[in-house]
Amino acid sequence: MLRSNSPGIFWSDKEKDLILKKLGEIVRHKRAELKISQEELAFKCRFDRTYISLVERGLRNISFTNLLILAEGLNTTISPPLSVACQNKE
């Protein structure tokens, strides 16, 4: 959503929440494809298991560097998950 009175791109809090939830669903789906637990993924990425849980539930706004680490732990790149998560944010 673009604000008419300010330059640049603006996403509402609702849109941001939807993107984080979608990203979390993608992470959960990819982890399930690999048949690994949250604990195993966390160990691989050197994260806490609760962090993985928060990301999967869309409750954590993951940093770019942690997203790269997580993608590597899931044997993927960030491109497909990001493009899917940002589609249909409404």
C-alpha atoms as a PDB file:
ATOM      1  CA  MET A   1       0.000   0.000   0.000  1.00  0.00           C
ATOM      2  CA  LEU A   2       1.438   3.347  -1.020  1.00  0.00           C
ATOM      3  CA  ARG A   3       0.702   6.410   1.073  1.00  0.00           C
ATOM      4  CA  SER A   4      -0.278   9.310  -1.137  1.00  0.00           C
ATOM      5  CA  ASN A   5       1.353  11.937   1.084  1.00  0.00           C
ATOM      6  CA  SER A   6       4.763  10.300   1.530  1.00  0.00           C
ATOM      7  CA  PRO A   7       7.329   8.887  -0.883  1.00  0.00           C
ATOM      8  CA  GLY A   8       8.277   5.252  -0.905  1.00  0.00           C
ATOM      9  CA  ILE A   9       6.524   2.023  -0.084  1.00  0.00           C
ATOM     10  CA  PHE A  10       4.447   1.544   3.033  1.00  0.00           C
ATOM     11  CA  TRP A  11       3.070  -1.750   4.277  1.00  0.00           C
ATOM     12  CA  SER A  12       0.464  -1.730   6.991  1.00  0.00           C
ATOM     13  CA  ASP A  13       1.008  -3.754  10.159  1.00  0.00           C
ATOM     14  CA  LYS A  14      -1.640  -6.195   8.918  1.00  0.00           C
ATOM     15  CA  GLU A  15       0.244  -6.699   5.645  1.00  0.00           C
ATOM     16  CA  LYS A  16       3.527  -7.217   7.509  1.00  0.00           C
ATOM     17  CA  ASP A  17       1.884  -9.771   9.808  1.00  0.00           C
ATOM     18  CA  LEU A  18       0.480 -11.664   6.815  1.00  0.00           C
ATOM     19  CA  ILE A  19       3.909 -11.763   5.166  1.00  0.00           C
ATOM     20  CA  LEU A  20       5.527 -13.100   8.349  1.00  0.00           C
ATOM     21  CA  LYS A  21       2.809 -15.744   8.708  1.00  0.00           C
ATOM     22  CA  LYS A  22       3.237 -16.826   5.080  1.00  0.00           C
ATOM     23  CA  LEU A  23       7.013 -16.996   5.484  1.00  0.00           C
ATOM     24  CA  GLY A  24       6.509 -19.103   8.609  1.00  0.00           C
ATOM     25  CA  GLU A  25       4.222 -21.482   6.719  1.00  0.00           C
ATOM     26  CA  ILE A  26       6.877 -21.850   4.034  1.00  0.00           C
ATOM     27  CA  VAL A  27       9.574 -22.593   6.615  1.00  0.00           C
ATOM     28  CA  ARG A  28       7.328 -25.178   8.332  1.00  0.00           C
ATOM     29  CA  HIS A  29       6.454 -26.797   4.986  1.00  0.00           C
ATOM     30  CA  LYS A  30      10.092 -26.990   3.883  1.00  0.00           C
ATOM     31  CA  ARG A  31      11.140 -28.413   7.268  1.00  0.00           C
ATOM     32  CA  ALA A  32       8.391 -31.035   7.001  1.00  0.00           C
ATOM     33  CA  GLU A  33       9.589 -31.954   3.483  1.00  0.00           C
ATOM     34  CA  LEU A  34      13.037 -32.588   4.959  1.00  0.00           C
ATOM     35  CA  LYS A  35      11.432 -34.624   7.761  1.00  0.00           C
ATOM     36  CA  ILE A  36      13.357 -32.796  10.481  1.00  0.00           C
ATOM     37  CA  SER A  37      12.123 -31.455  13.790  1.00  0.00           C
ATOM     38  CA  GLN A  38      12.287 -27.850  14.927  1.00  0.00           C
ATOM     39  CA  GLU A  39      15.016 -28.939  17.303  1.00  0.00           C
ATOM     40  CA  GLU A  40      17.078 -30.496  14.494  1.00  0.00           C
ATOM     41  CA  LEU A  41      16.690 -27.397  12.321  1.00  0.00           C
ATOM     42  CA  ALA A  42      17.607 -25.157  15.245  1.00  0.00           C
ATOM     43  CA  PHE A  43      20.737 -27.221  15.928  1.00  0.00           C
ATOM     44  CA  LYS A  44      21.733 -27.060  12.254  1.00  0.00           C
ATOM     45  CA  CYS A  45      21.311 -23.271  12.205  1.00  0.00           C
ATOM     46  CA  ARG A  46      22.639 -22.695  15.748  1.00  0.00           C
ATOM     47  CA  PHE A  47      19.335 -21.146  16.780  1.00  0.00           C
ATOM     48  CA  ASP A  48      17.165 -21.917  19.766  1.00  0.00           C
ATOM     49  CA  ARG A  49      14.217 -24.216  19.055  1.00  0.00           C
ATOM     50  CA  THR A  50      11.818 -21.568  20.362  1.00  0.00           C
ATOM     51  CA  TYR A  51      13.153 -19.143  17.730  1.00  0.00           C
ATOM     52  CA  ILE A  52      12.232 -21.630  14.974  1.00  0.00           C
ATOM     53  CA  SER A  53       8.790 -21.993  16.539  1.00  0.00           C
ATOM     54  CA  LEU A  54       8.261 -18.221  16.605  1.00  0.00           C
ATOM     55  CA  VAL A  55       9.364 -17.871  12.969  1.00  0.00           C
ATOM     56  CA  GLU A  56       7.066 -20.704  11.850  1.00  0.00           C
ATOM     57  CA  ARG A  57       4.105 -19.090  13.616  1.00  0.00           C
ATOM     58  CA  GLY A  58       4.842 -15.699  12.067  1.00  0.00           C
ATOM     59  CA  LEU A  59       5.549 -14.157  15.453  1.00  0.00           C
ATOM     60  CA  ARG A  60       9.166 -13.225  14.813  1.00  0.00           C
ATOM     61  CA  ASN A  61      10.404 -10.686  12.283  1.00  0.00           C
ATOM     62  CA  ILE A  62      13.503 -12.558  11.206  1.00  0.00           C
ATOM     63  CA  SER A  63      16.649 -10.612  10.283  1.00  0.00           C
ATOM     64  CA  PHE A  64      18.085 -10.898   6.800  1.00  0.00           C
ATOM     65  CA  THR A  65      21.213 -12.707   8.011  1.00  0.00           C
ATOM     66  CA  ASN A  66      19.154 -15.187  10.025  1.00  0.00           C
ATOM     67  CA  LEU A  67      16.959 -15.734   6.970  1.00  0.00           C
ATOM     68  CA  LEU A  68      20.073 -16.653   4.983  1.00  0.00           C
ATOM     69  CA  ILE A  69      21.180 -19.073   7.725  1.00  0.00           C
ATOM     70  CA  LEU A  70      17.701 -20.594   7.932  1.00  0.00           C
ATOM     71  CA  ALA A  71      17.517 -21.033   4.154  1.00  0.00           C
ATOM     72  CA  GLU A  72      20.848 -22.836   4.199  1.00  0.00           C
ATOM     73  CA  GLY A  73      19.617 -25.068   7.036  1.00  0.00           C
ATOM     74  CA  LEU A  74      16.589 -25.912   4.888  1.00  0.00           C
ATOM     75  CA  ASN A  75      18.769 -26.616   1.819  1.00  0.00           C
ATOM     76  CA  THR A  76      17.170 -23.813  -0.186  1.00  0.00           C
ATOM     77  CA  THR A  77      17.728 -20.181  -1.118  1.00  0.00           C
ATOM     78  CA  ILE A  78      15.793 -17.174   0.103  1.00  0.00           C
ATOM     79  CA  SER A  79      14.455 -16.273  -3.349  1.00  0.00           C
ATOM     80  CA  PRO A  80      11.526 -18.693  -3.654  1.00  0.00           C
ATOM     81  CA  PRO A  81      10.276 -18.291  -0.055  1.00  0.00           C
ATOM     82  CA  LEU A  82      10.500 -14.501  -0.185  1.00  0.00           C
ATOM     83  CA  SER A  83       8.721 -14.159  -3.509  1.00  0.00           C
ATOM     84  CA  VAL A  84       5.918 -16.440  -2.355  1.00  0.00           C
ATOM     85  CA  ALA A  85       5.593 -14.739   1.038  1.00  0.00           C
ATOM     86  CA  CYS A  86       5.326 -11.290  -0.541  1.00  0.00           C
ATOM     87  CA  GLN A  87       2.659 -12.344  -3.050  1.00  0.00           C
ATOM     88  CA  ASN A  88      -0.975 -11.853  -2.132  1.00  0.00           C
ATOM     89  CA  LYS A  89      -0.212 -10.072   1.101  1.00  0.00           C
ATOM     90  CA  GLU A  90      -3.791  -8.831   1.317  1.00  0.00           C
END
